[in-house]
Amino acid sequence: MTERGPLLVEGPVEVVAADGSVHTSDRFVVAICTCRRSRILPWCDTSHRRRTGPAPCGSGTGGQI
């Protein structure tokens, strides 16, 4: 497991969610979302990679550098 990344688990995998729903995958390795941003929970969709901080200096619109 890496910081801010998914939990990689050797498959096949069966995940039981808090509401009792069961999610299965037959893949050799699956990525379980740990950031809670994924649109396909419990699987990782790489949403943790999206930038959430302020834009870097000079990347705004209209101004001169």
PDB file of N, CA and C in Angstrom:
ATOM      1  N   MET A   1       0.848  -1.175   0.000  1.00  0.00           N
ATOM      2  CA  MET A   1       0.000   0.000   0.000  1.00  0.00           C
ATOM      3  C   MET A   1       0.891   1.235   0.000  1.00  0.00           C
ATOM      4  N   THR A   2       0.562   2.200  -0.842  1.00  0.00           N
ATOM      5  CA  THR A   2       1.320   3.437  -0.904  1.00  0.00           C
ATOM      6  C   THR A   2       0.476   4.588  -0.371  1.00  0.00           C
ATOM      7  N   GLU A   3       1.149   5.635   0.078  1.00  0.00           N
ATOM      8  CA  GLU A   3       0.428   6.791   0.583  1.00  0.00           C
ATOM      9  C   GLU A   3      -0.428   7.393  -0.518  1.00  0.00           C
ATOM     10  N   ARG A   4      -1.684   7.634  -0.237  1.00  0.00           N
ATOM     11  CA  ARG A   4      -2.658   8.223  -1.160  1.00  0.00           C
ATOM     12  C   ARG A   4      -2.939   7.365  -2.375  1.00  0.00           C
ATOM     13  N   GLY A   5      -2.609   6.098  -2.310  1.00  0.00           N
ATOM     14  CA  GLY A   5      -2.855   5.216  -3.442  1.00  0.00           C
ATOM     15  C   GLY A   5      -3.750   4.052  -3.048  1.00  0.00           C
ATOM     16  N   PRO A   6      -4.035   3.179  -4.006  1.00  0.00           N
ATOM     17  CA  PRO A   6      -4.924   2.051  -3.741  1.00  0.00           C
ATOM     18  C   PRO A   6      -4.210   0.917  -3.010  1.00  0.00           C
ATOM     19  N   LEU A   7      -4.987   0.016  -2.512  1.00  0.00           N
ATOM     20  CA  LEU A   7      -4.495  -1.215  -1.912  1.00  0.00           C
ATOM     21  C   LEU A   7      -4.536  -2.270  -3.006  1.00  0.00           C
ATOM     22  N   LEU A   8      -3.377  -2.823  -3.365  1.00  0.00           N
ATOM     23  CA  LEU A   8      -3.317  -3.851  -4.408  1.00  0.00           C
ATOM     24  C   LEU A   8      -3.470  -5.222  -3.762  1.00  0.00           C
ATOM     25  N   VAL A   9      -4.412  -6.004  -4.286  1.00  0.00           N
ATOM     26  CA  VAL A   9      -4.723  -7.307  -3.716  1.00  0.00           C
ATOM     27  C   VAL A   9      -4.690  -8.347  -4.831  1.00  0.00           C
ATOM     28  N   GLU A  10      -4.063  -9.492  -4.556  1.00  0.00           N
ATOM     29  CA  GLU A  10      -4.051 -10.574  -5.535  1.00  0.00           C
ATOM     30  C   GLU A  10      -5.440 -11.176  -5.624  1.00  0.00           C
ATOM     31  N   GLY A  11      -5.895 -11.399  -6.854  1.00  0.00           N
ATOM     32  CA  GLY A  11      -7.246 -11.900  -7.072  1.00  0.00           C
ATOM     33  C   GLY A  11      -7.276 -13.389  -7.271  1.00  0.00           C
ATOM     34  N   PRO A  12      -8.447 -13.921  -7.490  1.00  0.00           N
ATOM     35  CA  PRO A  12      -9.742 -13.255  -7.529  1.00  0.00           C
ATOM     36  C   PRO A  12     -10.133 -12.735  -6.143  1.00  0.00           C
ATOM     37  N   VAL A  13     -11.000 -11.700  -6.148  1.00  0.00           N
ATOM     38  CA  VAL A  13     -11.356 -10.992  -4.918  1.00  0.00           C
ATOM     39  C   VAL A  13     -12.867 -10.868  -4.784  1.00  0.00           C
ATOM     40  N   GLU A  14     -13.341 -10.964  -3.560  1.00  0.00           N
ATOM     41  CA  GLU A  14     -14.738 -10.695  -3.239  1.00  0.00           C
ATOM     42  C   GLU A  14     -14.743  -9.686  -2.098  1.00  0.00           C
ATOM     43  N   VAL A  15     -15.382  -8.536  -2.302  1.00  0.00           N
ATOM     44  CA  VAL A  15     -15.443  -7.471  -1.303  1.00  0.00           C
ATOM     45  C   VAL A  15     -16.894  -7.321  -0.858  1.00  0.00           C
ATOM     46  N   VAL A  16     -17.106  -7.342   0.445  1.00  0.00           N
ATOM     47  CA  VAL A  16     -18.445  -7.133   0.998  1.00  0.00           C
ATOM     48  C   VAL A  16     -18.474  -5.724   1.587  1.00  0.00           C
ATOM     49  N   ALA A  17     -19.343  -4.870   1.042  1.00  0.00           N
ATOM     50  CA  ALA A  17     -19.449  -3.481   1.479  1.00  0.00           C
ATOM     51  C   ALA A  17     -20.244  -3.388   2.781  1.00  0.00           C
ATOM     52  N   ALA A  18     -20.191  -2.214   3.410  1.00  0.00           N
ATOM     53  CA  ALA A  18     -20.894  -1.984   4.676  1.00  0.00           C
ATOM     54  C   ALA A  18     -22.399  -2.210   4.544  1.00  0.00           C
ATOM     55  N   ASP A  19     -22.953  -1.945   3.361  1.00  0.00           N
ATOM     56  CA  ASP A  19     -24.398  -2.128   3.165  1.00  0.00           C
ATOM     57  C   ASP A  19     -24.771  -3.573   2.821  1.00  0.00           C
ATOM     58  N   GLY A  20     -23.772  -4.458   2.794  1.00  0.00           N
ATOM     59  CA  GLY A  20     -24.020  -5.870   2.518  1.00  0.00           C
ATOM     60  C   GLY A  20     -23.880  -6.262   1.064  1.00  0.00           C
ATOM     61  N   SER A  21     -23.706  -5.296   0.165  1.00  0.00           N
ATOM     62  CA  SER A  21     -23.543  -5.629  -1.255  1.00  0.00           C
ATOM     63  C   SER A  21     -22.186  -6.299  -1.467  1.00  0.00           C
ATOM     64  N   VAL A  22     -22.152  -7.219  -2.412  1.00  0.00           N
ATOM     65  CA  VAL A  22     -20.940  -7.989  -2.692  1.00  0.00           C
ATOM     66  C   VAL A  22     -20.409  -7.596  -4.063  1.00  0.00           C
ATOM     67  N   HIS A  23     -19.113  -7.305  -4.128  1.00  0.00           N
ATOM     68  CA  HIS A  23     -18.440  -6.941  -5.376  1.00  0.00           C
ATOM     69  C   HIS A  23     -17.357  -7.981  -5.627  1.00  0.00           C
ATOM     70  N   THR A  24     -17.311  -8.531  -6.841  1.00  0.00           N
ATOM     71  CA  THR A  24     -16.324  -9.560  -7.157  1.00  0.00           C
ATOM     72  C   THR A  24     -15.497  -9.160  -8.367  1.00  0.00           C
ATOM     73  N   SER A  25     -14.280  -9.665  -8.406  1.00  0.00           N
ATOM     74  CA  SER A  25     -13.396  -9.458  -9.549  1.00  0.00           C
ATOM     75  C   SER A  25     -12.574 -10.721  -9.747  1.00  0.00           C
ATOM     76  N   ASP A  26     -12.447 -11.151 -11.001  1.00  0.00           N
ATOM     77  CA  ASP A  26     -11.669 -12.335 -11.336  1.00  0.00           C
ATOM     78  C   ASP A  26     -10.264 -11.992 -11.830  1.00  0.00           C
ATOM     79  N   ARG A  27      -9.882 -10.720 -11.745  1.00  0.00           N
ATOM     80  CA  ARG A  27      -8.563 -10.312 -12.223  1.00  0.00           C
ATOM     81  C   ARG A  27      -7.456 -10.880 -11.329  1.00  0.00           C
ATOM     82  N   PHE A  28      -6.228 -10.936 -11.868  1.00  0.00           N
ATOM     83  CA  PHE A  28      -5.090 -11.446 -11.108  1.00  0.00           C
ATOM     84  C   PHE A  28      -4.710 -10.501  -9.973  1.00  0.00           C
ATOM     85  N   VAL A  29      -4.810  -9.204 -10.213  1.00  0.00           N
ATOM     86  CA  VAL A  29      -4.537  -8.186  -9.199  1.00  0.00           C
ATOM     87  C   VAL A  29      -5.615  -7.113  -9.331  1.00  0.00           C
ATOM     88  N   VAL A  30      -6.165  -6.691  -8.203  1.00  0.00           N
ATOM     89  CA  VAL A  30      -7.165  -5.630  -8.213  1.00  0.00           C
ATOM     90  C   VAL A  30      -6.689  -4.494  -7.315  1.00  0.00           C
ATOM     91  N   ALA A  31      -7.132  -3.282  -7.634  1.00  0.00           N
ATOM     92  CA  ALA A  31      -6.786  -2.099  -6.851  1.00  0.00           C
ATOM     93  C   ALA A  31      -8.032  -1.667  -6.085  1.00  0.00           C
ATOM     94  N   ILE A  32      -7.955  -1.734  -4.765  1.00  0.00           N
ATOM     95  CA  ILE A  32      -9.063  -1.325  -3.895  1.00  0.00           C
ATOM     96  C   ILE A  32      -8.860   0.140  -3.536  1.00  0.00           C
ATOM     97  N   CYS A  33      -9.874   0.961  -3.754  1.00  0.00           N
ATOM     98  CA  CYS A  33      -9.790   2.392  -3.482  1.00  0.00           C
ATOM     99  C   CYS A  33      -9.668   2.638  -1.979  1.00  0.00           C
ATOM    100  N   THR A  34      -8.732   3.511  -1.591  1.00  0.00           N
ATOM    101  CA  THR A  34      -8.592   3.912  -0.189  1.00  0.00           C
ATOM    102  C   THR A  34      -8.835   5.403   0.000  1.00  0.00           C
ATOM    103  N   CYS A  35      -8.961   6.159  -1.101  1.00  0.00           N
ATOM    104  CA  CYS A  35      -9.145   7.615  -0.989  1.00  0.00           C
ATOM    105  C   CYS A  35     -10.624   8.007  -0.974  1.00  0.00           C
ATOM    106  N   ARG A  36     -11.512   7.086  -1.324  1.00  0.00           N
ATOM    107  CA  ARG A  36     -12.962   7.301  -1.354  1.00  0.00           C
ATOM    108  C   ARG A  36     -13.401   8.275  -2.452  1.00  0.00           C
ATOM    109  N   ARG A  37     -12.551   8.555  -3.443  1.00  0.00           N
ATOM    110  CA  ARG A  37     -12.901   9.448  -4.552  1.00  0.00           C
ATOM    111  C   ARG A  37     -13.366   8.693  -5.792  1.00  0.00           C
ATOM    112  N   SER A  38     -13.152   7.395  -5.818  1.00  0.00           N
ATOM    113  CA  SER A  38     -13.470   6.597  -6.994  1.00  0.00           C
ATOM    114  C   SER A  38     -14.960   6.630  -7.308  1.00  0.00           C
ATOM    115  N   ARG A  39     -15.269   6.651  -8.586  1.00  0.00           N
ATOM    116  CA  ARG A  39     -16.661   6.582  -9.029  1.00  0.00           C
ATOM    117  C   ARG A  39     -17.128   5.147  -9.186  1.00  0.00           C
ATOM    118  N   ILE A  40     -16.201   4.196  -9.025  1.00  0.00           N
ATOM    119  CA  ILE A  40     -16.546   2.781  -9.178  1.00  0.00           C
ATOM    120  C   ILE A  40     -16.174   1.996  -7.915  1.00  0.00           C
ATOM    121  N   LEU A  41     -16.459   2.578  -6.760  1.00  0.00           N
ATOM    122  CA  LEU A  41     -16.124   1.928  -5.482  1.00  0.00           C
ATOM    123  C   LEU A  41     -16.650   0.504  -5.450  1.00  0.00           C
ATOM    124  N   PRO A  42     -15.941  -0.460  -4.914  1.00  0.00           N
ATOM    125  CA  PRO A  42     -14.723  -0.317  -4.128  1.00  0.00           C
ATOM    126  C   PRO A  42     -13.448  -0.306  -4.956  1.00  0.00           C
ATOM    127  N   TRP A  43     -13.567  -0.342  -6.275  1.00  0.00           N
ATOM    128  CA  TRP A  43     -12.383  -0.416  -7.132  1.00  0.00           C
ATOM    129  C   TRP A  43     -11.791   0.971  -7.371  1.00  0.00           C
ATOM    130  N   CYS A  44     -10.491   1.028  -7.531  1.00  0.00           N
ATOM    131  CA  CYS A  44      -9.789   2.285  -7.794  1.00  0.00           C
ATOM    132  C   CYS A  44      -9.961   2.675  -9.261  1.00  0.00           C
ATOM    133  N   ASP A  45     -10.246   3.959  -9.508  1.00  0.00           N
ATOM    134  CA  ASP A  45     -10.304   4.471 -10.884  1.00  0.00           C
ATOM    135  C   ASP A  45      -9.257   5.563 -11.093  1.00  0.00           C
ATOM    136  N   THR A  46      -8.265   5.614 -10.267  1.00  0.00           N
ATOM    137  CA  THR A  46      -7.136   6.570 -10.264  1.00  0.00           C
ATOM    138  C   THR A  46      -7.562   8.003  -9.934  1.00  0.00           C
ATOM    139  N   SER A  47      -8.702   8.184  -9.307  1.00  0.00           N
ATOM    140  CA  SER A  47      -9.134   9.523  -8.908  1.00  0.00           C
ATOM    141  C   SER A  47      -8.167  10.164  -7.932  1.00  0.00           C
ATOM    142  N   HIS A  48      -7.411   9.354  -7.185  1.00  0.00           N
ATOM    143  CA  HIS A  48      -6.447   9.897  -6.229  1.00  0.00           C
ATOM    144  C   HIS A  48      -5.335  10.680  -6.923  1.00  0.00           C
ATOM    145  N   ARG A  49      -5.173  10.494  -8.216  1.00  0.00           N
ATOM    146  CA  ARG A  49      -4.127  11.206  -8.967  1.00  0.00           C
ATOM    147  C   ARG A  49      -4.522  12.634  -9.327  1.00  0.00           C
ATOM    148  N   ARG A  50      -5.822  12.927  -9.295  1.00  0.00           N
ATOM    149  CA  ARG A  50      -6.278  14.261  -9.686  1.00  0.00           C
ATOM    150  C   ARG A  50      -5.753  15.306  -8.727  1.00  0.00           C
ATOM    151  N   ARG A  51      -5.321  16.420  -9.279  1.00  0.00           N
ATOM    152  CA  ARG A  51      -4.758  17.510  -8.506  1.00  0.00           C
ATOM    153  C   ARG A  51      -5.850  18.264  -7.766  1.00  0.00           C
ATOM    154  N   THR A  52      -5.627  18.533  -6.474  1.00  0.00           N
ATOM    155  CA  THR A  52      -6.623  19.246  -5.701  1.00  0.00           C
ATOM    156  C   THR A  52      -6.078  20.532  -5.093  1.00  0.00           C
ATOM    157  N   GLY A  53      -4.791  20.802  -5.249  1.00  0.00           N
ATOM    158  CA  GLY A  53      -4.174  21.982  -4.662  1.00  0.00           C
ATOM    159  C   GLY A  53      -4.302  23.196  -5.570  1.00  0.00           C
ATOM    160  N   PRO A  54      -3.715  24.321  -5.147  1.00  0.00           N
ATOM    161  CA  PRO A  54      -3.762  25.538  -5.966  1.00  0.00           C
ATOM    162  C   PRO A  54      -2.961  25.378  -7.257  1.00  0.00           C
ATOM    163  N   ALA A  55      -3.330  26.135  -8.268  1.00  0.00           N
ATOM    164  CA  ALA A  55      -2.626  26.092  -9.541  1.00  0.00           C
ATOM    165  C   ALA A  55      -1.223  26.656  -9.378  1.00  0.00           C
ATOM    166  N   PRO A  56      -0.241  26.121 -10.118  1.00  0.00           N
ATOM    167  CA  PRO A  56       1.122  26.646 -10.026  1.00  0.00           C
ATOM    168  C   PRO A  56       1.187  28.079 -10.549  1.00  0.00           C
ATOM    169  N   CYS A  57       2.155  28.825 -10.093  1.00  0.00           N
ATOM    170  CA  CYS A  57       2.333  30.226 -10.473  1.00  0.00           C
ATOM    171  C   CYS A  57       2.474  30.337 -11.997  1.00  0.00           C
ATOM    172  N   GLY A  58       1.740  31.276 -12.595  1.00  0.00           N
ATOM    173  CA  GLY A  58       1.838  31.505 -14.037  1.00  0.00           C
ATOM    174  C   GLY A  58       0.900  30.671 -14.859  1.00  0.00           C
ATOM    175  N   SER A  59       0.077  29.802 -14.232  1.00  0.00           N
ATOM    176  CA  SER A  59      -0.808  28.960 -15.026  1.00  0.00           C
ATOM    177  C   SER A  59      -2.205  29.557 -15.162  1.00  0.00           C
ATOM    178  N   GLY A  60      -2.430  30.720 -14.574  1.00  0.00           N
ATOM    179  CA  GLY A  60      -3.732  31.371 -14.654  1.00  0.00           C
ATOM    180  C   GLY A  60      -3.968  31.940 -16.038  1.00  0.00           C
ATOM    181  N   THR A  61      -5.128  32.566 -16.237  1.00  0.00           N
ATOM    182  CA  THR A  61      -5.453  33.113 -17.550  1.00  0.00           C
ATOM    183  C   THR A  61      -5.307  34.632 -17.539  1.00  0.00           C
ATOM    184  N   GLY A  62      -4.844  35.172 -18.613  1.00  0.00           N
ATOM    185  CA  GLY A  62      -4.821  36.610 -18.806  1.00  0.00           C
ATOM    186  C   GLY A  62      -3.570  37.342 -18.350  1.00  0.00           C
ATOM    187  N   GLY A  63      -2.895  36.926 -17.328  1.00  0.00           N
ATOM    188  CA  GLY A  63      -1.748  37.653 -16.800  1.00  0.00           C
ATOM    189  C   GLY A  63      -0.479  37.406 -17.568  1.00  0.00           C
ATOM    190  N   GLN A  64       0.451  38.320 -17.458  1.00  0.00           N
ATOM    191  CA  GLN A  64       1.753  38.149 -18.081  1.00  0.00           C
ATOM    192  C   GLN A  64       2.739  37.672 -17.030  1.00  0.00           C
ATOM    193  N   ILE A  65       3.725  36.939 -17.475  1.00  0.00           N
ATOM    194  CA  ILE A  65       4.732  36.421 -16.541  1.00  0.00           C
ATOM    195  C   ILE A  65       6.010  37.199 -16.692  1.00  0.00           C
TER     196      ILE A  65
END
